[in-house]
N, C-alpha and C. Protein backbone atom coordinates (compact mmCIF):
# COMPACT_ATOMS: atom_id res chain seq x y z
N UNK A 1 -146.79 -62.24 -37.32
CA UNK A 1 -145.71 -62.99 -36.68
C UNK A 1 -144.42 -62.88 -37.49
N UNK A 2 -144.54 -62.92 -38.81
CA UNK A 2 -143.38 -62.82 -39.68
C UNK A 2 -142.68 -61.47 -39.49
N UNK A 3 -143.46 -60.40 -39.37
CA UNK A 3 -142.90 -59.06 -39.16
C UNK A 3 -142.16 -59.00 -37.84
N UNK A 4 -142.75 -59.58 -36.80
CA UNK A 4 -142.10 -59.60 -35.49
C UNK A 4 -140.74 -60.29 -35.56
N UNK A 5 -140.68 -61.42 -36.24
CA UNK A 5 -139.42 -62.17 -36.37
C UNK A 5 -138.39 -61.33 -37.13
N UNK A 6 -138.81 -60.68 -38.21
CA UNK A 6 -137.88 -59.85 -38.98
C UNK A 6 -137.37 -58.66 -38.15
N UNK A 7 -138.27 -58.04 -37.38
CA UNK A 7 -137.86 -56.92 -36.52
C UNK A 7 -136.89 -57.41 -35.45
N UNK A 8 -137.18 -58.57 -34.87
CA UNK A 8 -136.30 -59.14 -33.85
C UNK A 8 -134.91 -59.43 -34.43
N UNK A 9 -134.86 -60.01 -35.61
CA UNK A 9 -133.58 -60.31 -36.26
C UNK A 9 -132.83 -59.02 -36.57
N UNK A 10 -133.55 -58.03 -37.10
CA UNK A 10 -132.91 -56.74 -37.42
C UNK A 10 -132.35 -56.08 -36.17
N UNK A 11 -133.11 -56.05 -35.10
CA UNK A 11 -132.66 -55.45 -33.84
C UNK A 11 -131.45 -56.20 -33.28
N UNK A 12 -131.50 -57.52 -33.34
CA UNK A 12 -130.38 -58.34 -32.86
C UNK A 12 -129.11 -58.05 -33.64
N UNK A 13 -129.24 -57.93 -34.95
CA UNK A 13 -128.07 -57.62 -35.79
C UNK A 13 -127.51 -56.24 -35.47
N UNK A 14 -128.39 -55.29 -35.25
CA UNK A 14 -127.93 -53.93 -34.91
C UNK A 14 -127.17 -53.95 -33.59
N UNK A 15 -127.71 -54.63 -32.60
CA UNK A 15 -127.04 -54.74 -31.30
C UNK A 15 -125.69 -55.44 -31.46
N UNK A 16 -125.67 -56.52 -32.25
CA UNK A 16 -124.41 -57.24 -32.48
C UNK A 16 -123.37 -56.33 -33.12
N UNK A 17 -123.76 -55.57 -34.13
CA UNK A 17 -122.82 -54.68 -34.83
C UNK A 17 -122.31 -53.58 -33.89
N UNK A 18 -123.19 -53.02 -33.08
CA UNK A 18 -122.77 -51.96 -32.15
C UNK A 18 -121.77 -52.49 -31.13
N UNK A 19 -122.09 -53.62 -30.52
CA UNK A 19 -121.19 -54.17 -29.50
C UNK A 19 -119.88 -54.63 -30.11
N UNK A 20 -119.94 -55.34 -31.22
CA UNK A 20 -118.69 -55.77 -31.87
C UNK A 20 -117.87 -54.54 -32.30
N UNK A 21 -118.56 -53.49 -32.73
CA UNK A 21 -117.85 -52.25 -33.08
C UNK A 21 -117.09 -51.68 -31.89
N UNK A 22 -117.72 -51.69 -30.72
CA UNK A 22 -117.06 -51.20 -29.50
C UNK A 22 -115.87 -52.09 -29.13
N UNK A 23 -116.05 -53.40 -29.26
CA UNK A 23 -114.97 -54.33 -28.96
C UNK A 23 -113.78 -54.08 -29.89
N UNK A 24 -114.05 -53.97 -31.18
CA UNK A 24 -112.98 -53.76 -32.17
C UNK A 24 -112.35 -52.38 -32.03
N UNK A 25 -113.17 -51.36 -31.78
CA UNK A 25 -112.64 -50.01 -31.61
C UNK A 25 -111.68 -49.96 -30.41
N UNK A 26 -112.10 -50.54 -29.30
CA UNK A 26 -111.26 -50.55 -28.10
C UNK A 26 -109.96 -51.30 -28.36
N UNK A 27 -110.05 -52.44 -29.02
CA UNK A 27 -108.86 -53.23 -29.32
C UNK A 27 -107.88 -52.47 -30.20
N UNK A 28 -108.40 -51.60 -31.04
CA UNK A 28 -107.56 -50.88 -31.99
C UNK A 28 -107.01 -49.57 -31.43
N UNK A 29 -107.84 -48.85 -30.69
CA UNK A 29 -107.48 -47.47 -30.33
C UNK A 29 -107.17 -47.22 -28.86
N UNK A 30 -107.46 -48.15 -27.97
CA UNK A 30 -107.19 -47.94 -26.55
C UNK A 30 -105.68 -47.89 -26.30
N UNK A 31 -105.25 -46.89 -25.53
CA UNK A 31 -103.83 -46.72 -25.19
C UNK A 31 -103.68 -46.64 -23.68
N UNK A 32 -102.60 -47.21 -23.15
CA UNK A 32 -102.40 -47.15 -21.70
C UNK A 32 -101.99 -45.74 -21.26
N UNK A 33 -102.40 -45.41 -20.05
CA UNK A 33 -101.99 -44.16 -19.42
C UNK A 33 -101.11 -44.51 -18.23
N UNK A 34 -100.17 -43.64 -17.92
CA UNK A 34 -99.33 -43.85 -16.74
C UNK A 34 -100.23 -44.06 -15.52
N UNK A 35 -99.98 -45.12 -14.76
CA UNK A 35 -100.85 -45.52 -13.66
C UNK A 35 -100.04 -46.05 -12.50
N UNK A 36 -100.75 -46.40 -11.43
CA UNK A 36 -100.08 -46.98 -10.25
C UNK A 36 -99.77 -48.45 -10.44
N UNK A 37 -100.63 -49.15 -11.19
CA UNK A 37 -100.50 -50.61 -11.27
C UNK A 37 -100.97 -51.12 -12.63
N UNK A 38 -100.37 -52.20 -13.03
CA UNK A 38 -100.79 -52.95 -14.22
C UNK A 38 -101.52 -54.18 -13.72
N UNK A 39 -102.74 -54.40 -14.20
CA UNK A 39 -103.49 -55.61 -13.84
C UNK A 39 -103.48 -56.54 -15.05
N UNK A 40 -102.90 -57.72 -14.88
CA UNK A 40 -102.87 -58.72 -15.94
C UNK A 40 -103.95 -59.75 -15.63
N UNK A 41 -104.93 -59.84 -16.50
CA UNK A 41 -106.03 -60.77 -16.30
C UNK A 41 -105.63 -62.18 -16.70
N UNK A 42 -106.04 -63.13 -15.90
CA UNK A 42 -105.68 -64.52 -16.12
C UNK A 42 -106.30 -65.11 -17.37
N UNK A 43 -105.69 -66.16 -17.83
CA UNK A 43 -106.18 -66.97 -18.95
C UNK A 43 -105.67 -68.39 -18.70
N UNK A 44 -106.14 -69.29 -19.49
CA UNK A 44 -105.87 -70.71 -19.27
C UNK A 44 -104.37 -71.02 -19.18
N UNK A 45 -104.06 -71.95 -18.29
CA UNK A 45 -102.70 -72.51 -18.20
C UNK A 45 -102.65 -73.84 -18.93
N UNK A 46 -101.49 -74.17 -19.41
CA UNK A 46 -101.22 -75.51 -19.91
C UNK A 46 -100.42 -76.21 -18.82
N UNK A 47 -101.11 -76.93 -17.95
CA UNK A 47 -100.46 -77.51 -16.78
C UNK A 47 -100.16 -76.41 -15.79
N UNK A 48 -98.86 -76.07 -15.67
CA UNK A 48 -98.48 -74.94 -14.81
C UNK A 48 -97.81 -73.83 -15.61
N UNK A 49 -97.96 -73.87 -16.93
CA UNK A 49 -97.35 -72.87 -17.80
C UNK A 49 -98.41 -72.01 -18.47
N UNK A 50 -98.12 -70.73 -18.66
CA UNK A 50 -99.07 -69.86 -19.36
C UNK A 50 -99.31 -70.33 -20.79
N UNK A 51 -100.56 -70.32 -21.20
CA UNK A 51 -100.93 -70.60 -22.59
C UNK A 51 -100.42 -69.46 -23.47
N UNK A 52 -100.42 -69.63 -24.79
CA UNK A 52 -99.97 -68.52 -25.65
C UNK A 52 -100.72 -67.21 -25.41
N UNK A 53 -102.05 -67.26 -25.26
CA UNK A 53 -102.80 -66.02 -25.01
C UNK A 53 -102.34 -65.35 -23.72
N UNK A 54 -102.08 -66.14 -22.70
CA UNK A 54 -101.62 -65.57 -21.43
C UNK A 54 -100.20 -65.04 -21.55
N UNK A 55 -99.35 -65.71 -22.30
CA UNK A 55 -97.98 -65.20 -22.51
C UNK A 55 -98.02 -63.85 -23.23
N UNK A 56 -98.93 -63.69 -24.19
CA UNK A 56 -99.04 -62.40 -24.88
C UNK A 56 -99.40 -61.31 -23.87
N UNK A 57 -100.28 -61.61 -22.94
CA UNK A 57 -100.66 -60.63 -21.91
C UNK A 57 -99.46 -60.30 -21.02
N UNK A 58 -98.76 -61.33 -20.60
CA UNK A 58 -97.61 -61.12 -19.72
C UNK A 58 -96.50 -60.35 -20.42
N UNK A 59 -96.25 -60.66 -21.69
CA UNK A 59 -95.22 -59.92 -22.43
C UNK A 59 -95.60 -58.45 -22.57
N UNK A 60 -96.88 -58.17 -22.76
CA UNK A 60 -97.34 -56.78 -22.82
C UNK A 60 -97.11 -56.08 -21.47
N UNK A 61 -97.41 -56.77 -20.38
CA UNK A 61 -97.20 -56.20 -19.04
C UNK A 61 -95.72 -55.92 -18.79
N UNK A 62 -94.86 -56.84 -19.20
CA UNK A 62 -93.41 -56.66 -19.04
C UNK A 62 -92.96 -55.41 -19.80
N UNK A 63 -93.42 -55.28 -21.02
CA UNK A 63 -93.07 -54.12 -21.84
C UNK A 63 -93.54 -52.82 -21.18
N UNK A 64 -94.77 -52.80 -20.70
CA UNK A 64 -95.29 -51.60 -20.04
C UNK A 64 -94.49 -51.26 -18.78
N UNK A 65 -94.19 -52.27 -17.98
CA UNK A 65 -93.42 -52.05 -16.76
C UNK A 65 -92.04 -51.47 -17.09
N UNK A 66 -91.38 -52.05 -18.08
CA UNK A 66 -90.04 -51.59 -18.45
C UNK A 66 -90.06 -50.18 -19.04
N UNK A 67 -91.19 -49.79 -19.65
CA UNK A 67 -91.32 -48.43 -20.17
C UNK A 67 -91.74 -47.43 -19.10
N UNK A 68 -91.97 -47.90 -17.87
CA UNK A 68 -92.28 -47.02 -16.77
C UNK A 68 -93.74 -46.61 -16.65
N UNK A 69 -94.65 -47.37 -17.25
CA UNK A 69 -96.08 -47.03 -17.15
C UNK A 69 -96.63 -47.22 -15.75
N UNK A 70 -96.07 -48.15 -14.98
CA UNK A 70 -96.53 -48.40 -13.61
C UNK A 70 -95.40 -49.07 -12.84
N UNK A 71 -95.48 -48.95 -11.51
CA UNK A 71 -94.43 -49.52 -10.65
C UNK A 71 -94.83 -50.83 -9.99
N UNK A 72 -96.08 -51.24 -10.18
CA UNK A 72 -96.57 -52.48 -9.58
C UNK A 72 -97.38 -53.27 -10.61
N UNK A 73 -97.48 -54.58 -10.36
CA UNK A 73 -98.26 -55.45 -11.24
C UNK A 73 -99.12 -56.37 -10.38
N UNK A 74 -100.40 -56.45 -10.71
CA UNK A 74 -101.29 -57.44 -10.11
C UNK A 74 -101.52 -58.53 -11.15
N UNK A 75 -101.27 -59.77 -10.78
CA UNK A 75 -101.58 -60.90 -11.66
C UNK A 75 -102.80 -61.59 -11.06
N UNK A 76 -103.81 -61.83 -11.89
CA UNK A 76 -105.12 -62.20 -11.37
C UNK A 76 -105.66 -63.47 -12.01
N UNK A 77 -105.93 -64.48 -11.18
CA UNK A 77 -106.56 -65.69 -11.66
C UNK A 77 -106.39 -66.85 -10.71
N UNK A 78 -107.46 -67.60 -10.49
CA UNK A 78 -107.46 -68.76 -9.61
C UNK A 78 -106.97 -70.00 -10.37
N UNK A 79 -107.13 -71.15 -9.75
CA UNK A 79 -106.72 -72.42 -10.35
C UNK A 79 -107.92 -73.13 -10.94
N UNK A 80 -107.87 -73.40 -12.24
CA UNK A 80 -108.92 -74.15 -12.89
C UNK A 80 -108.78 -75.64 -12.63
N UNK A 81 -109.82 -76.38 -12.96
CA UNK A 81 -109.84 -77.83 -12.70
C UNK A 81 -108.69 -78.58 -13.36
N UNK A 82 -108.28 -78.14 -14.54
CA UNK A 82 -107.22 -78.84 -15.27
C UNK A 82 -105.88 -78.12 -15.18
N UNK A 83 -105.74 -77.23 -14.22
CA UNK A 83 -104.49 -76.48 -14.05
C UNK A 83 -103.77 -76.96 -12.80
N UNK A 84 -102.43 -76.94 -12.84
CA UNK A 84 -101.63 -77.47 -11.75
C UNK A 84 -101.34 -76.44 -10.66
N UNK A 85 -101.65 -75.18 -10.93
CA UNK A 85 -101.43 -74.11 -9.96
C UNK A 85 -102.40 -72.98 -10.29
N UNK A 86 -102.37 -71.94 -9.50
CA UNK A 86 -103.21 -70.80 -9.85
C UNK A 86 -102.60 -70.06 -11.04
N UNK A 87 -103.47 -69.45 -11.81
CA UNK A 87 -102.99 -68.64 -12.94
C UNK A 87 -102.10 -67.52 -12.43
N UNK A 88 -102.48 -66.91 -11.31
CA UNK A 88 -101.68 -65.81 -10.75
C UNK A 88 -100.27 -66.27 -10.41
N UNK A 89 -100.14 -67.44 -9.78
CA UNK A 89 -98.81 -67.94 -9.41
C UNK A 89 -97.97 -68.21 -10.66
N UNK A 90 -98.57 -68.86 -11.65
CA UNK A 90 -97.83 -69.15 -12.88
C UNK A 90 -97.39 -67.85 -13.57
N UNK A 91 -98.26 -66.83 -13.51
CA UNK A 91 -97.90 -65.54 -14.11
C UNK A 91 -96.75 -64.89 -13.34
N UNK A 92 -96.79 -64.98 -12.01
CA UNK A 92 -95.72 -64.39 -11.21
C UNK A 92 -94.39 -65.07 -11.50
N UNK A 93 -94.42 -66.38 -11.66
CA UNK A 93 -93.19 -67.12 -12.00
C UNK A 93 -92.67 -66.66 -13.36
N UNK A 94 -93.55 -66.53 -14.33
CA UNK A 94 -93.16 -66.08 -15.67
C UNK A 94 -92.54 -64.69 -15.60
N UNK A 95 -93.18 -63.78 -14.86
CA UNK A 95 -92.63 -62.43 -14.72
C UNK A 95 -91.26 -62.47 -14.05
N UNK A 96 -91.11 -63.31 -13.03
CA UNK A 96 -89.83 -63.45 -12.35
C UNK A 96 -88.74 -63.94 -13.29
N UNK A 97 -89.08 -64.86 -14.18
CA UNK A 97 -88.10 -65.35 -15.17
C UNK A 97 -87.67 -64.24 -16.14
N UNK A 98 -88.49 -63.19 -16.22
CA UNK A 98 -88.17 -62.07 -17.09
C UNK A 98 -87.69 -60.86 -16.29
N UNK A 99 -87.12 -61.15 -15.12
CA UNK A 99 -86.46 -60.15 -14.27
C UNK A 99 -87.37 -59.05 -13.75
N UNK A 100 -88.64 -59.36 -13.55
CA UNK A 100 -89.53 -58.43 -12.87
C UNK A 100 -89.40 -58.71 -11.37
N UNK A 101 -89.09 -57.69 -10.57
CA UNK A 101 -88.88 -57.92 -9.13
C UNK A 101 -90.11 -58.51 -8.44
N UNK A 102 -89.88 -59.51 -7.60
CA UNK A 102 -90.98 -60.17 -6.90
C UNK A 102 -91.76 -59.22 -6.00
N UNK A 103 -91.07 -58.25 -5.43
CA UNK A 103 -91.72 -57.38 -4.44
C UNK A 103 -92.68 -56.37 -5.06
N UNK A 104 -92.76 -56.29 -6.38
CA UNK A 104 -93.72 -55.37 -7.00
C UNK A 104 -94.91 -56.14 -7.59
N UNK A 105 -94.91 -57.47 -7.42
CA UNK A 105 -95.97 -58.32 -7.98
C UNK A 105 -96.94 -58.72 -6.86
N UNK A 106 -98.21 -58.44 -7.09
CA UNK A 106 -99.27 -58.84 -6.16
C UNK A 106 -100.07 -59.97 -6.80
N UNK A 107 -100.28 -61.05 -6.05
CA UNK A 107 -101.03 -62.19 -6.55
C UNK A 107 -102.48 -62.11 -6.10
N UNK A 108 -103.39 -62.19 -7.04
CA UNK A 108 -104.82 -62.29 -6.76
C UNK A 108 -105.23 -63.67 -7.26
N UNK A 109 -105.43 -64.60 -6.32
CA UNK A 109 -105.60 -66.01 -6.67
C UNK A 109 -107.00 -66.56 -6.42
N UNK A 110 -108.00 -65.68 -6.33
CA UNK A 110 -109.34 -66.14 -5.98
C UNK A 110 -110.36 -66.03 -7.11
N UNK A 111 -110.01 -65.46 -8.23
CA UNK A 111 -111.00 -65.12 -9.26
C UNK A 111 -111.13 -66.20 -10.32
N UNK A 112 -112.39 -66.44 -10.70
CA UNK A 112 -112.72 -67.40 -11.75
C UNK A 112 -113.40 -66.75 -12.95
N UNK A 113 -113.48 -65.43 -12.95
CA UNK A 113 -114.12 -64.71 -14.05
C UNK A 113 -113.50 -63.32 -14.16
N UNK A 114 -113.76 -62.66 -15.26
CA UNK A 114 -113.26 -61.29 -15.43
C UNK A 114 -113.85 -60.39 -14.36
N UNK A 115 -115.12 -60.57 -14.06
CA UNK A 115 -115.77 -59.77 -13.01
C UNK A 115 -115.02 -59.94 -11.68
N UNK A 116 -114.71 -61.17 -11.32
CA UNK A 116 -113.98 -61.42 -10.08
C UNK A 116 -112.54 -60.94 -10.17
N UNK A 117 -111.90 -61.05 -11.35
CA UNK A 117 -110.55 -60.50 -11.53
C UNK A 117 -110.52 -59.05 -11.06
N UNK A 118 -111.49 -58.28 -11.55
CA UNK A 118 -111.51 -56.85 -11.25
C UNK A 118 -111.93 -56.59 -9.80
N UNK A 119 -112.89 -57.33 -9.32
CA UNK A 119 -113.37 -57.15 -7.93
C UNK A 119 -112.22 -57.38 -6.94
N UNK A 120 -111.54 -58.50 -7.08
CA UNK A 120 -110.48 -58.83 -6.12
C UNK A 120 -109.21 -57.99 -6.35
N UNK A 121 -108.96 -57.61 -7.59
CA UNK A 121 -107.82 -56.72 -7.85
C UNK A 121 -108.08 -55.35 -7.22
N UNK A 122 -109.32 -54.91 -7.27
CA UNK A 122 -109.68 -53.63 -6.62
C UNK A 122 -109.43 -53.71 -5.12
N UNK A 123 -109.70 -54.85 -4.50
CA UNK A 123 -109.42 -55.01 -3.07
C UNK A 123 -107.93 -54.86 -2.79
N UNK A 124 -107.09 -55.45 -3.64
CA UNK A 124 -105.64 -55.30 -3.49
C UNK A 124 -105.25 -53.83 -3.67
N UNK A 125 -105.81 -53.19 -4.68
CA UNK A 125 -105.50 -51.78 -4.92
C UNK A 125 -105.87 -50.93 -3.70
N UNK A 126 -107.05 -51.15 -3.15
CA UNK A 126 -107.48 -50.39 -1.97
C UNK A 126 -106.53 -50.63 -0.79
N UNK A 127 -106.18 -51.88 -0.57
CA UNK A 127 -105.28 -52.23 0.54
C UNK A 127 -103.90 -51.59 0.38
N UNK A 128 -103.41 -51.52 -0.85
CA UNK A 128 -102.05 -51.03 -1.10
C UNK A 128 -102.01 -49.54 -1.45
N UNK A 129 -103.17 -48.88 -1.47
CA UNK A 129 -103.21 -47.46 -1.79
C UNK A 129 -102.94 -47.15 -3.26
N UNK A 130 -103.31 -48.06 -4.13
CA UNK A 130 -103.12 -47.88 -5.57
C UNK A 130 -104.41 -47.31 -6.15
N UNK A 131 -104.30 -46.31 -7.00
CA UNK A 131 -105.48 -45.61 -7.50
C UNK A 131 -105.86 -46.00 -8.93
N UNK A 132 -104.96 -45.75 -9.89
CA UNK A 132 -105.25 -45.98 -11.31
C UNK A 132 -104.61 -47.28 -11.77
N UNK A 133 -105.26 -47.90 -12.78
CA UNK A 133 -104.76 -49.18 -13.27
C UNK A 133 -104.77 -49.23 -14.79
N UNK A 134 -103.81 -49.94 -15.31
CA UNK A 134 -103.79 -50.33 -16.72
C UNK A 134 -104.21 -51.79 -16.76
N UNK A 135 -105.24 -52.09 -17.50
CA UNK A 135 -105.68 -53.47 -17.65
C UNK A 135 -105.03 -54.06 -18.89
N UNK A 136 -104.40 -55.20 -18.71
CA UNK A 136 -103.77 -55.90 -19.83
C UNK A 136 -104.52 -57.21 -20.07
N UNK A 137 -105.03 -57.33 -21.28
CA UNK A 137 -105.66 -58.56 -21.72
C UNK A 137 -105.61 -58.58 -23.24
N UNK A 138 -106.06 -59.65 -23.84
CA UNK A 138 -106.01 -59.75 -25.30
C UNK A 138 -107.05 -58.83 -25.93
N UNK A 139 -106.86 -58.53 -27.19
CA UNK A 139 -107.67 -57.53 -27.88
C UNK A 139 -109.16 -57.76 -27.75
N UNK A 140 -109.61 -59.00 -27.93
CA UNK A 140 -111.05 -59.29 -27.92
C UNK A 140 -111.68 -59.04 -26.56
N UNK A 141 -110.90 -59.06 -25.51
CA UNK A 141 -111.39 -59.05 -24.13
C UNK A 141 -111.32 -57.66 -23.48
N UNK A 142 -110.61 -56.74 -24.11
CA UNK A 142 -110.29 -55.47 -23.45
C UNK A 142 -111.51 -54.60 -23.18
N UNK A 143 -112.42 -54.50 -24.11
CA UNK A 143 -113.59 -53.64 -23.92
C UNK A 143 -114.36 -54.03 -22.65
N UNK A 144 -114.68 -55.30 -22.51
CA UNK A 144 -115.44 -55.75 -21.35
C UNK A 144 -114.65 -55.57 -20.07
N UNK A 145 -113.36 -55.87 -20.10
CA UNK A 145 -112.53 -55.70 -18.91
C UNK A 145 -112.53 -54.25 -18.44
N UNK A 146 -112.42 -53.31 -19.39
CA UNK A 146 -112.46 -51.89 -19.02
C UNK A 146 -113.82 -51.50 -18.45
N UNK A 147 -114.89 -52.00 -19.04
CA UNK A 147 -116.23 -51.69 -18.53
C UNK A 147 -116.42 -52.23 -17.11
N UNK A 148 -115.89 -53.41 -16.85
CA UNK A 148 -116.00 -53.98 -15.50
C UNK A 148 -115.14 -53.18 -14.53
N UNK A 149 -113.95 -52.77 -14.95
CA UNK A 149 -113.12 -51.92 -14.10
C UNK A 149 -113.85 -50.63 -13.73
N UNK A 150 -114.51 -50.02 -14.70
CA UNK A 150 -115.29 -48.80 -14.43
C UNK A 150 -116.44 -49.10 -13.48
N UNK A 151 -117.05 -50.27 -13.62
CA UNK A 151 -118.13 -50.69 -12.73
C UNK A 151 -117.67 -50.67 -11.27
N UNK A 152 -116.41 -51.03 -11.04
CA UNK A 152 -115.83 -51.02 -9.69
C UNK A 152 -115.17 -49.69 -9.34
N UNK A 153 -115.45 -48.66 -10.13
CA UNK A 153 -114.94 -47.30 -9.89
C UNK A 153 -113.42 -47.22 -9.90
N UNK A 154 -112.80 -48.02 -10.74
CA UNK A 154 -111.35 -47.95 -10.91
C UNK A 154 -111.07 -47.06 -12.11
N UNK A 155 -110.25 -46.00 -11.94
CA UNK A 155 -109.82 -45.25 -13.12
C UNK A 155 -108.90 -46.15 -13.96
N UNK A 156 -109.38 -46.56 -15.12
CA UNK A 156 -108.65 -47.55 -15.91
C UNK A 156 -108.32 -47.05 -17.31
N UNK A 157 -107.22 -47.57 -17.81
CA UNK A 157 -106.91 -47.50 -19.23
C UNK A 157 -106.53 -48.92 -19.62
N UNK A 158 -106.37 -49.16 -20.90
CA UNK A 158 -106.10 -50.52 -21.33
C UNK A 158 -104.90 -50.61 -22.24
N UNK A 159 -104.32 -51.79 -22.23
CA UNK A 159 -103.21 -52.10 -23.12
C UNK A 159 -103.50 -53.45 -23.76
N UNK A 160 -103.98 -53.43 -25.00
CA UNK A 160 -104.33 -54.70 -25.64
C UNK A 160 -103.09 -55.53 -25.96
N UNK A 161 -103.13 -56.78 -25.54
CA UNK A 161 -102.09 -57.73 -25.92
C UNK A 161 -102.50 -58.37 -27.23
N UNK A 162 -101.51 -58.83 -27.96
CA UNK A 162 -101.85 -59.38 -29.27
C UNK A 162 -102.71 -60.63 -29.14
N UNK A 163 -103.22 -61.04 -30.25
CA UNK A 163 -104.17 -62.13 -30.32
C UNK A 163 -103.55 -63.29 -31.08
N UNK A 164 -104.09 -64.47 -30.89
CA UNK A 164 -103.64 -65.65 -31.62
C UNK A 164 -103.73 -65.39 -33.12
N UNK A 165 -102.75 -65.83 -33.91
CA UNK A 165 -102.77 -65.52 -35.34
C UNK A 165 -103.85 -66.24 -36.16
N UNK A 166 -104.45 -67.29 -35.63
CA UNK A 166 -105.47 -68.04 -36.37
C UNK A 166 -106.73 -67.20 -36.55
N UNK A 167 -107.15 -67.03 -37.80
CA UNK A 167 -108.36 -66.26 -38.10
C UNK A 167 -109.59 -66.92 -37.49
N UNK A 168 -109.66 -68.25 -37.54
CA UNK A 168 -110.81 -68.95 -36.98
C UNK A 168 -110.89 -68.78 -35.47
N UNK A 169 -109.75 -68.85 -34.79
CA UNK A 169 -109.77 -68.63 -33.34
C UNK A 169 -110.14 -67.19 -33.00
N UNK A 170 -109.64 -66.23 -33.78
CA UNK A 170 -110.02 -64.83 -33.55
C UNK A 170 -111.52 -64.66 -33.68
N UNK A 171 -112.08 -65.22 -34.74
CA UNK A 171 -113.51 -65.12 -34.96
C UNK A 171 -114.28 -65.73 -33.79
N UNK A 172 -113.85 -66.89 -33.34
CA UNK A 172 -114.49 -67.56 -32.21
C UNK A 172 -114.46 -66.67 -30.97
N UNK A 173 -113.30 -66.12 -30.65
CA UNK A 173 -113.16 -65.31 -29.45
C UNK A 173 -114.00 -64.03 -29.54
N UNK A 174 -114.00 -63.38 -30.69
CA UNK A 174 -114.76 -62.13 -30.84
C UNK A 174 -116.27 -62.38 -30.77
N UNK A 175 -116.73 -63.47 -31.35
CA UNK A 175 -118.16 -63.77 -31.27
C UNK A 175 -118.55 -64.16 -29.85
N UNK A 176 -117.75 -64.98 -29.22
CA UNK A 176 -118.02 -65.37 -27.83
C UNK A 176 -118.03 -64.15 -26.91
N UNK A 177 -117.14 -63.21 -27.18
CA UNK A 177 -117.06 -62.01 -26.35
C UNK A 177 -118.32 -61.17 -26.45
N UNK A 178 -118.97 -61.16 -27.61
CA UNK A 178 -120.24 -60.44 -27.76
C UNK A 178 -121.22 -60.89 -26.68
N UNK A 179 -121.37 -62.20 -26.51
CA UNK A 179 -122.31 -62.73 -25.54
C UNK A 179 -121.88 -62.42 -24.10
N UNK A 180 -120.58 -62.42 -23.85
CA UNK A 180 -120.08 -62.08 -22.52
C UNK A 180 -120.36 -60.61 -22.19
N UNK A 181 -120.22 -59.73 -23.17
CA UNK A 181 -120.52 -58.31 -22.96
C UNK A 181 -122.01 -58.13 -22.66
N UNK A 182 -122.85 -58.77 -23.45
CA UNK A 182 -124.30 -58.67 -23.22
C UNK A 182 -124.64 -59.16 -21.81
N UNK A 183 -124.07 -60.29 -21.42
CA UNK A 183 -124.33 -60.83 -20.09
C UNK A 183 -123.92 -59.83 -19.01
N UNK A 184 -122.74 -59.21 -19.16
CA UNK A 184 -122.30 -58.24 -18.16
C UNK A 184 -123.26 -57.08 -18.06
N UNK A 185 -123.68 -56.53 -19.19
CA UNK A 185 -124.57 -55.37 -19.15
C UNK A 185 -125.96 -55.73 -18.61
N UNK A 186 -126.37 -56.99 -18.77
CA UNK A 186 -127.70 -57.40 -18.29
C UNK A 186 -127.67 -57.73 -16.79
N UNK A 187 -126.67 -58.52 -16.37
CA UNK A 187 -126.67 -58.99 -14.97
C UNK A 187 -125.56 -58.39 -14.12
N UNK A 188 -124.67 -57.62 -14.71
CA UNK A 188 -123.56 -56.98 -13.98
C UNK A 188 -122.75 -57.97 -13.15
N UNK A 189 -122.37 -59.08 -13.78
CA UNK A 189 -121.47 -60.03 -13.12
C UNK A 189 -120.64 -60.76 -14.15
């Protein structure tokens, strides 16, 4: 029994190191490719305003748009229980305040998870004839978002947005993301 426990712990550690390695590698080395659309994944709002993590994502999308990486932006996220509006609407307002034209912004307001972000964004892409996408999210989240995009047969590249400066929060997000990646690969949702 003792050997079984040690083997289980060793295997778990190996899996953890491999997945965290992929998460960190993607966060460090993934580069955006010129595409049809930028997909900004939702994150928590503070009332009706983007949280710092969401602002980092939006600022990255603004930079990519201004550099000509894509001509359209999909903002993706529904309304959480403690939010005053949908994440997508709040993101569109933020982009508008930064002189991004309203007519190039598509709102996806039905998703409550990264899986749904990509599923419903793909529906918008299909409807609008958009083929390739740049996914914008924070560093810890990019690997899983790209894998889910590939799951939906979207040709994707990624643009990591910066992360909160707190080391403890970074650690929390990266460890939590390990479990989210495992869940996706096991249940594909």
